[in-house]
Amino acid sequence: MDSLRELYKIGYGPSSSHTMGPQKAALRFLEMYPGAERYRVTLYGSLAATGKGHMTDTAIEKAIAPTAPVEIVWKPDVFLPFHPNGMLFESLRGEEVTGSWTIYSVGGGSLANEESRLERRDVYPLDTVEEILAWCDANGCAFWEYVEQCEGPGIWDYLHQVWEVMCAAIDSGLNHEGVLPGGLGVRRKAATYYVKAKGYTASLNSRGKIYAYALAVSEENASGGRIVTAPTCGSCGVLPAVLYHLYTSRDFREIRILRALATAGLFGNVVKTNASISGAEVGCQGEVGVACAMAAAAACQLFGGTPAQIEYAAEMALEHHLGLTCDPVCGLVQVPCIERNAVAAARALDANIFATYSDGRHTVSFDRVVEVMKETGHDIPSLYKETSEGGLAKLRKREQK
């Protein structure tokens, strides 16, 4: 499996697959074919269907336009076989194509093609939770200790940086108000939810703050703010909300939060390696569902769960998101994405509580749920996988007629 540095990416919203990935690909193509008179980028499938709402064209133009003119071609009805988020980059001299490159944005800001996945660093010899659990049992270690053994002690400096960005996104989101860009007229709610939460006691106060923190990060993402993919931009609010709430309400030391981040990343990495975290490929179960599993694992560890209980919490969180579609209204990472982050953060804590009441033994393993998630995602029609052609997005189009 890759390093957690490739899962937790620090960048700007609103979409890891539709903005971060394409911009990275554009910069790389410029390095491969510099000095062209002009460039042409053809976007396919889901990338084209929701690219304008996700500002894909803006991200590519920011990378290429300072060097040479760039033309964006949209082909939402053409799906390349490797992945729904396909891109064809071409360098041109007059009408002559002097260079071309087909690449795919496969989720979480990562790039891949048919030959090999780019930027891959196999730092983990084990890539299933079952194998990692066996290693933990044999060595008397926790999940985070496996991360440290594979990544080296330098991973804690990186996770400290990740945590700082997550906290900053919450703080910024709680202090911003107004309408989010994009034309839907969605107002920021994080500040209001946070204020209202303070008026309640005990459990309602806790739940309200969880919502507020998740809304804060997701609203920052929707406005193009600086966030961490966890595992994607569209699901970036879940894990920070859970960790920040526990950090501020339970007085956990930062090192324990960083260890929880490591464990959460390990579970996200397993899904990324064996299935997908791309909404265009498997629907929102691969984004918010995986984020919920990561947050549940992190919370369970913080509350003293055993490795078996942590695995159970993550499994439950992902299992109960199976089949979740990705149908963003107008191609924006706003409806239903922002609210979905808040609800998933609360469900992550529920999964943690349920698992810690148990002895960790259960029927369906996390690895099996990952397999089923992949199968389910491939069975879901493409109009429900980040194309804005079905579900809530289709309903909105019908209302506008």
Protein backbone atom coordinates (compact mmCIF):
# COMPACT_ATOMS: atom_id res chain seq x y z
CA MET A 1 0.00 0.00 0.00
CA ASP A 2 0.95 3.62 -0.51
CA SER A 3 2.20 5.92 2.21
CA LEU A 4 -0.43 7.78 4.21
CA ARG A 5 1.06 10.89 2.61
CA GLU A 6 -0.76 9.83 -0.55
CA LEU A 7 -4.08 9.43 1.29
CA TYR A 8 -3.98 12.57 3.41
CA LYS A 9 -3.29 15.26 0.83
CA ILE A 10 -3.28 18.92 1.81
CA GLY A 11 -4.82 21.09 -0.87
CA TYR A 12 -7.77 23.22 -1.92
CA GLY A 13 -11.38 22.21 -2.60
CA PRO A 14 -13.88 21.55 -3.84
CA SER A 15 -12.93 18.16 -5.31
CA SER A 16 -9.87 15.95 -5.07
CA SER A 17 -10.76 13.97 -8.19
CA HIS A 18 -12.15 16.86 -10.24
CA THR A 19 -9.77 19.71 -9.32
CA MET A 20 -6.69 18.48 -7.44
CA GLY A 21 -6.08 15.50 -9.75
CA PRO A 22 -6.64 17.32 -13.09
CA GLN A 23 -4.48 20.27 -12.03
CA LYS A 24 -1.68 17.93 -11.01
CA ALA A 25 -1.98 16.12 -14.34
CA ALA A 26 -1.90 19.41 -16.25
CA LEU A 27 1.31 20.49 -14.54
CA ARG A 28 2.89 17.13 -15.25
CA PHE A 29 1.92 17.27 -18.93
CA LEU A 30 3.53 20.72 -19.19
CA GLU A 31 6.76 19.17 -17.93
CA MET A 32 6.47 16.35 -20.44
CA TYR A 33 5.71 18.56 -23.44
CA PRO A 34 6.90 22.14 -22.83
CA GLY A 35 6.92 24.87 -25.44
CA ALA A 36 3.76 23.95 -27.36
CA GLU A 37 1.86 26.64 -29.27
CA ARG A 38 -1.31 25.59 -27.50
CA TYR A 39 -2.79 22.72 -25.54
CA ARG A 40 -6.05 20.77 -25.69
CA VAL A 41 -7.55 18.81 -22.83
CA THR A 42 -10.46 16.45 -23.43
CA LEU A 43 -12.47 15.46 -20.37
CA TYR A 44 -14.51 12.25 -20.41
CA GLY A 45 -17.33 10.63 -18.44
CA SER A 46 -17.95 11.83 -14.91
CA LEU A 47 -15.10 14.31 -15.11
CA ALA A 48 -16.87 16.06 -17.98
CA ALA A 49 -20.40 15.64 -16.61
CA THR A 50 -19.72 17.48 -13.34
CA GLY A 51 -16.48 19.23 -14.21
CA LYS A 52 -17.94 22.73 -14.52
CA GLY A 53 -19.60 22.54 -11.13
CA HIS A 54 -16.40 21.15 -9.64
CA MET A 55 -14.29 23.84 -11.40
CA THR A 56 -12.22 21.28 -13.32
CA ASP A 57 -11.72 23.67 -16.22
CA THR A 58 -10.59 26.43 -13.86
CA ALA A 59 -8.05 24.12 -12.22
CA ILE A 60 -6.59 23.08 -15.58
CA GLU A 61 -6.53 26.62 -16.94
CA LYS A 62 -4.70 27.86 -13.85
CA ALA A 63 -1.98 25.31 -14.54
CA ILE A 64 -1.63 25.71 -18.32
CA ALA A 65 -2.92 29.15 -19.36
CA PRO A 66 0.11 31.09 -18.01
CA THR A 67 2.26 29.06 -20.43
CA ALA A 68 0.07 28.79 -23.54
CA PRO A 69 -3.59 28.88 -24.61
CA VAL A 70 -5.60 25.83 -23.60
CA GLU A 71 -8.86 24.47 -25.01
CA ILE A 72 -11.16 22.31 -22.86
CA VAL A 73 -13.28 19.73 -24.69
CA TRP A 74 -16.18 18.14 -22.79
CA LYS A 75 -17.33 14.58 -23.60
CA PRO A 76 -19.65 13.50 -20.75
CA ASP A 77 -21.17 10.66 -22.77
CA VAL A 78 -17.85 8.95 -23.47
CA PHE A 79 -16.52 6.69 -20.72
CA LEU A 80 -13.01 5.36 -21.15
CA PRO A 81 -12.61 1.75 -19.95
CA PHE A 82 -10.06 2.24 -17.16
CA HIS A 83 -11.95 4.78 -15.01
CA PRO A 84 -14.86 7.24 -15.40
CA ASN A 85 -12.56 10.22 -14.78
CA GLY A 86 -10.54 10.10 -17.97
CA MET A 87 -8.48 12.94 -19.48
CA LEU A 88 -6.63 13.28 -22.77
CA PHE A 89 -3.91 15.95 -22.82
CA GLU A 90 -2.52 17.07 -26.19
CA SER A 91 0.19 19.54 -27.14
CA LEU A 92 -0.32 21.22 -30.52
CA ARG A 93 1.67 23.05 -33.16
CA GLY A 94 -0.91 24.46 -35.52
CA GLU A 95 -3.20 21.46 -36.04
CA GLU A 96 -0.43 18.92 -35.55
CA VAL A 97 -0.52 16.92 -32.33
CA THR A 98 3.05 16.89 -31.01
CA GLY A 99 2.36 14.97 -27.83
CA SER A 100 -0.50 13.23 -26.04
CA TRP A 101 -1.16 11.58 -22.70
CA THR A 102 -4.23 9.77 -21.41
CA ILE A 103 -4.49 9.79 -17.63
CA TYR A 104 -7.19 9.25 -15.01
CA SER A 105 -8.05 11.03 -11.78
CA VAL A 106 -8.92 8.05 -9.60
CA GLY A 107 -9.92 9.72 -6.34
CA GLY A 108 -8.24 11.52 -3.48
CA GLY A 109 -6.15 13.57 -5.89
CA SER A 110 -4.31 10.49 -7.18
CA LEU A 111 -3.51 9.79 -10.84
CA ALA A 112 -3.31 6.46 -12.65
CA ASN A 113 -3.30 4.92 -16.10
CA GLU A 114 -3.56 1.44 -17.60
CA GLU A 115 0.14 0.70 -17.25
CA SER A 116 0.76 1.65 -13.67
CA ARG A 117 -0.50 3.77 -10.86
CA LEU A 118 1.57 6.93 -10.61
CA GLU A 119 3.21 8.12 -7.41
CA ARG A 120 2.80 4.73 -5.77
CA ARG A 121 5.11 3.90 -2.89
CA ASP A 122 4.61 0.42 -1.52
CA VAL A 123 5.58 1.06 2.06
CA TYR A 124 3.13 -1.41 3.61
CA PRO A 125 3.82 -5.13 3.01
CA LEU A 126 0.30 -6.05 4.21
CA ASP A 127 -2.76 -4.66 2.45
CA THR A 128 -5.77 -6.23 4.19
CA VAL A 129 -7.06 -5.56 7.67
CA GLU A 130 -7.15 -9.30 8.36
CA GLU A 131 -3.40 -9.53 7.75
CA ILE A 132 -2.70 -6.40 9.76
CA LEU A 133 -4.87 -7.66 12.64
CA ALA A 134 -2.89 -10.91 12.67
CA TRP A 135 0.35 -8.91 12.81
CA CYS A 136 -0.99 -6.83 15.70
CA ASP A 137 -2.03 -9.95 17.62
CA ALA A 138 1.29 -11.68 17.00
CA ASN A 139 3.34 -8.67 18.10
CA GLY A 140 1.09 -7.25 20.80
CA CYS A 141 0.93 -3.96 18.91
CA ALA A 142 -1.73 -1.45 17.95
CA PHE A 143 -2.66 -0.36 14.42
CA TRP A 144 -0.75 2.91 14.78
CA GLU A 145 2.41 1.02 15.71
CA TYR A 146 2.18 -0.88 12.42
CA VAL A 147 1.95 2.49 10.66
CA GLU A 148 5.02 3.76 12.47
CA GLN A 149 6.99 0.61 11.67
CA CYS A 150 6.19 0.87 7.95
CA GLU A 151 6.36 4.65 7.52
CA GLY A 152 9.14 5.47 9.98
CA PRO A 153 9.04 8.12 12.73
CA GLY A 154 8.85 10.92 10.15
CA ILE A 155 5.17 10.13 9.62
CA TRP A 156 4.32 11.91 12.88
CA ASP A 157 5.64 15.22 11.59
CA TYR A 158 3.47 14.87 8.51
CA LEU A 159 0.38 13.89 10.53
CA HIS A 160 1.01 16.87 12.80
CA GLN A 161 0.84 19.09 9.70
CA VAL A 162 -2.35 17.30 8.59
CA TRP A 163 -3.92 17.87 11.99
CA GLU A 164 -3.01 21.57 11.95
CA VAL A 165 -4.72 22.03 8.57
CA MET A 166 -7.81 20.15 9.78
CA CYS A 167 -8.06 22.38 12.87
CA ALA A 168 -7.54 25.51 10.80
CA ALA A 169 -10.34 24.47 8.43
CA ILE A 170 -12.72 24.02 11.35
CA ASP A 171 -11.78 27.40 12.81
CA SER A 172 -12.15 29.14 9.47
CA GLY A 173 -15.44 27.42 8.72
CA LEU A 174 -16.91 28.38 12.09
CA ASN A 175 -16.03 32.01 11.48
CA HIS A 176 -17.39 32.34 7.96
CA GLU A 177 -20.99 33.06 7.06
CA GLY A 178 -22.93 33.87 3.90
CA VAL A 179 -23.80 32.02 0.70
CA LEU A 180 -21.51 29.44 -0.86
CA PRO A 181 -20.43 30.04 -4.49
CA GLY A 182 -21.98 28.09 -7.33
CA GLY A 183 -25.50 29.43 -7.79
CA LEU A 184 -27.47 27.03 -5.57
CA GLY A 185 -27.89 29.65 -2.86
CA VAL A 186 -26.69 27.30 -0.12
CA ARG A 187 -25.93 29.24 3.03
CA ARG A 188 -23.15 28.34 5.43
CA LYS A 189 -24.60 26.75 8.58
CA ALA A 190 -21.57 25.82 10.70
CA ALA A 191 -21.49 29.01 12.79
CA THR A 192 -25.22 28.85 13.51
CA TYR A 193 -25.09 25.17 14.48
CA TYR A 194 -22.15 25.82 16.79
CA VAL A 195 -23.94 28.68 18.58
CA LYS A 196 -27.17 26.70 18.91
CA ALA A 197 -25.28 23.66 20.24
CA LYS A 198 -24.03 25.70 23.17
CA GLY A 199 -27.63 26.25 24.24
CA TYR A 200 -28.21 22.55 24.82
CA THR A 201 -26.86 20.23 27.47
CA ALA A 202 -25.06 16.88 27.38
CA SER A 203 -25.82 14.70 24.37
CA LEU A 204 -27.54 17.35 22.23
CA ASN A 205 -24.66 19.75 22.81
CA SER A 206 -22.22 17.06 21.75
CA ARG A 207 -24.21 16.12 18.66
CA GLY A 208 -24.64 19.75 17.65
CA LYS A 209 -20.92 20.43 17.85
CA ILE A 210 -20.16 17.34 15.76
CA TYR A 211 -22.50 18.68 13.09
CA ALA A 212 -20.96 22.16 13.31
CA TYR A 213 -17.38 20.93 12.92
CA ALA A 214 -18.23 18.72 9.95
CA LEU A 215 -20.21 21.52 8.31
CA ALA A 216 -17.33 23.94 8.89
CA VAL A 217 -14.79 21.82 7.01
CA SER A 218 -17.20 20.82 4.24
CA GLU A 219 -18.25 24.42 3.70
CA GLU A 220 -14.61 25.48 3.52
CA ASN A 221 -14.09 22.79 0.89
CA ALA A 222 -17.14 23.90 -1.11
CA SER A 223 -15.77 27.44 -1.19
CA GLY A 224 -12.33 26.34 -2.39
CA GLY A 225 -10.66 26.57 1.01
CA ARG A 226 -7.63 24.64 2.28
CA ILE A 227 -8.50 21.17 3.54
CA VAL A 228 -7.13 17.63 3.86
CA THR A 229 -8.44 14.76 1.75
CA ALA A 230 -9.79 12.25 4.26
CA PRO A 231 -10.01 10.30 2.09
CA THR A 232 -11.35 12.84 -0.48
CA CYS A 233 -12.33 16.49 -0.64
CA GLY A 234 -16.03 15.61 -0.83
CA SER A 235 -15.76 13.67 2.44
CA CYS A 236 -13.19 15.87 4.15
CA GLY A 237 -15.44 16.97 7.01
CA VAL A 238 -16.11 13.64 8.73
CA LEU A 239 -12.78 12.67 10.30
CA PRO A 240 -11.74 16.19 11.41
CA ALA A 241 -15.14 16.70 13.07
CA VAL A 242 -14.89 13.52 15.14
CA LEU A 243 -11.26 14.03 16.13
CA TYR A 244 -11.64 17.74 16.94
CA HIS A 245 -14.73 17.10 19.05
CA LEU A 246 -12.96 14.41 21.08
CA TYR A 247 -9.80 16.50 21.32
CA THR A 248 -11.63 19.52 22.73
CA SER A 249 -14.20 17.72 24.89
CA ARG A 250 -12.10 14.87 26.30
CA ASP A 251 -8.72 16.57 26.68
CA PHE A 252 -6.82 14.01 24.63
CA ARG A 253 -3.19 14.92 24.07
CA GLU A 254 -2.22 15.67 20.49
CA ILE A 255 -0.03 12.57 20.18
CA ARG A 256 -3.10 10.41 20.76
CA ILE A 257 -4.96 12.31 18.04
CA LEU A 258 -2.04 11.73 15.65
CA ARG A 259 -2.09 8.01 16.45
CA ALA A 260 -5.83 7.97 15.77
CA LEU A 261 -5.14 9.70 12.45
CA ALA A 262 -2.63 6.96 11.63
CA THR A 263 -5.15 4.21 12.38
CA ALA A 264 -7.88 5.97 10.41
CA GLY A 265 -5.50 6.36 7.47
CA LEU A 266 -4.63 2.69 7.57
CA PHE A 267 -8.28 1.71 7.10
CA GLY A 268 -8.74 4.29 4.34
CA ASN A 269 -5.62 2.99 2.64
CA VAL A 270 -6.95 -0.57 2.64
CA VAL A 271 -10.09 0.59 0.83
CA LYS A 272 -8.11 2.74 -1.61
CA THR A 273 -5.86 -0.23 -2.42
CA ASN A 274 -8.46 -2.99 -2.67
CA ALA A 275 -11.51 -1.08 -3.93
CA SER A 276 -11.87 2.66 -4.58
CA ILE A 277 -12.40 6.01 -2.87
CA SER A 278 -13.66 7.61 -6.08
CA GLY A 279 -17.30 8.70 -6.19
CA ALA A 280 -17.16 8.47 -9.97
CA GLU A 281 -16.20 4.81 -9.73
CA VAL A 282 -18.17 3.44 -6.76
CA GLY A 283 -20.49 6.23 -5.62
CA CYS A 284 -20.46 8.11 -2.34
CA GLN A 285 -20.04 4.89 -0.36
CA GLY A 286 -16.38 5.16 -1.39
CA GLU A 287 -16.12 8.73 -0.14
CA VAL A 288 -18.39 9.49 2.82
CA GLY A 289 -18.76 5.78 3.63
CA VAL A 290 -15.00 5.32 3.86
CA ALA A 291 -14.60 8.58 5.79
CA CYS A 292 -17.16 7.33 8.31
CA ALA A 293 -15.23 4.05 8.68
CA MET A 294 -11.97 5.94 9.19
CA ALA A 295 -13.55 8.18 11.83
CA ALA A 296 -15.16 5.23 13.62
CA ALA A 297 -11.81 3.44 13.81
CA ALA A 298 -10.10 6.57 15.13
CA ALA A 299 -12.75 7.17 17.78
CA CYS A 300 -12.74 3.56 18.92
CA GLN A 301 -8.97 3.66 19.39
CA LEU A 302 -9.19 6.89 21.38
CA PHE A 303 -11.73 5.29 23.70
CA GLY A 304 -9.43 2.34 24.36
CA GLY A 305 -10.89 -0.18 21.93
CA THR A 306 -8.98 -3.33 21.13
CA PRO A 307 -7.80 -3.90 17.55
CA ALA A 308 -10.75 -6.25 17.06
CA GLN A 309 -13.22 -3.64 18.33
CA ILE A 310 -11.61 -0.97 16.14
CA GLU A 311 -11.99 -3.21 13.10
CA TYR A 312 -15.63 -3.83 14.05
CA ALA A 313 -16.36 -0.10 14.36
CA ALA A 314 -14.86 0.57 10.93
CA GLU A 315 -16.67 -2.38 9.38
CA MET A 316 -20.03 -1.29 10.76
CA ALA A 317 -19.58 2.29 9.60
CA LEU A 318 -18.75 1.23 6.05
CA GLU A 319 -21.33 -1.56 5.89
CA HIS A 320 -24.19 0.81 6.63
CA HIS A 321 -23.15 3.11 3.79
CA LEU A 322 -23.21 0.37 1.15
CA GLY A 323 -25.02 1.47 -1.99
CA LEU A 324 -24.77 5.20 -1.24
CA THR A 325 -24.94 7.05 -4.53
CA CYS A 326 -23.12 10.17 -5.66
CA ASP A 327 -25.66 12.56 -7.21
CA PRO A 328 -24.48 16.13 -6.54
CA VAL A 329 -27.01 18.77 -7.49
CA CYS A 330 -25.67 20.92 -10.35
CA GLY A 331 -22.34 19.09 -10.06
CA LEU A 332 -21.46 21.08 -6.93
CA VAL A 333 -19.95 19.57 -3.78
CA GLN A 334 -22.79 21.04 -1.71
CA VAL A 335 -26.09 19.16 -1.90
CA PRO A 336 -26.25 16.50 -0.50
CA CYS A 337 -22.50 16.39 0.23
CA ILE A 338 -22.21 18.92 3.06
CA GLU A 339 -25.06 17.56 5.19
CA ARG A 340 -23.94 14.03 4.42
CA ASN A 341 -20.56 14.76 6.05
CA ALA A 342 -22.28 15.97 9.23
CA VAL A 343 -24.54 12.94 9.49
CA ALA A 344 -21.66 10.54 8.80
CA ALA A 345 -19.57 12.12 11.57
CA ALA A 346 -22.35 11.38 14.05
CA ARG A 347 -22.74 7.85 12.70
CA ALA A 348 -19.02 7.25 13.18
CA LEU A 349 -19.39 7.91 16.91
CA ASP A 350 -22.43 5.61 17.00
CA ALA A 351 -20.42 2.83 15.37
CA ASN A 352 -17.67 3.36 17.93
CA ILE A 353 -20.11 3.06 20.85
CA PHE A 354 -21.74 -0.04 19.40
CA ALA A 355 -18.37 -1.73 18.85
CA THR A 356 -17.00 -0.90 22.30
CA TYR A 357 -20.04 -2.53 23.92
CA SER A 358 -19.07 -5.74 22.09
CA ASP A 359 -16.12 -8.09 22.46
CA GLY A 360 -15.09 -7.31 18.88
CA ARG A 361 -16.40 -10.54 17.40
CA HIS A 362 -18.84 -10.17 14.53
CA THR A 363 -19.97 -11.94 11.36
CA VAL A 364 -18.79 -9.80 8.45
CA SER A 365 -15.17 -8.62 8.28
CA PHE A 366 -14.04 -5.18 7.15
CA ASP A 367 -12.20 -6.72 4.20
CA ARG A 368 -15.37 -8.48 3.06
CA VAL A 369 -17.34 -5.23 3.22
CA VAL A 370 -14.63 -3.58 1.10
CA GLU A 371 -15.08 -6.33 -1.51
CA VAL A 372 -18.85 -5.88 -1.46
CA MET A 373 -18.50 -2.10 -1.69
CA LYS A 374 -16.40 -2.51 -4.83
CA GLU A 375 -18.89 -4.94 -6.36
CA THR A 376 -21.84 -2.73 -5.43
CA GLY A 377 -20.12 0.33 -6.86
CA HIS A 378 -19.53 -1.36 -10.18
CA ASP A 379 -23.18 -2.46 -10.29
CA ILE A 380 -24.53 1.05 -9.65
CA PRO A 381 -25.55 2.73 -12.95
CA SER A 382 -23.20 5.49 -14.05
CA LEU A 383 -25.88 8.19 -13.69
CA TYR A 384 -25.60 7.70 -9.91
CA LYS A 385 -21.82 8.03 -9.85
CA GLU A 386 -20.90 11.72 -9.96
CA THR A 387 -22.53 12.54 -13.27
CA SER A 388 -25.41 14.64 -11.87
CA GLU A 389 -27.77 12.77 -14.19
CA GLY A 390 -29.76 10.81 -11.58
CA GLY A 391 -31.17 10.93 -8.09
CA LEU A 392 -31.26 14.30 -6.36
CA ALA A 393 -29.50 16.00 -9.26
CA LYS A 394 -32.14 14.79 -11.71
CA LEU A 395 -34.93 15.89 -9.38
CA ARG A 396 -33.48 19.39 -9.27
CA LYS A 397 -33.31 19.54 -13.06
CA ARG A 398 -36.96 18.50 -13.26
CA GLU A 399 -37.97 21.23 -10.80
CA GLN A 400 -36.13 23.87 -12.84
CA LYS A 401 -38.07 23.07 -16.02
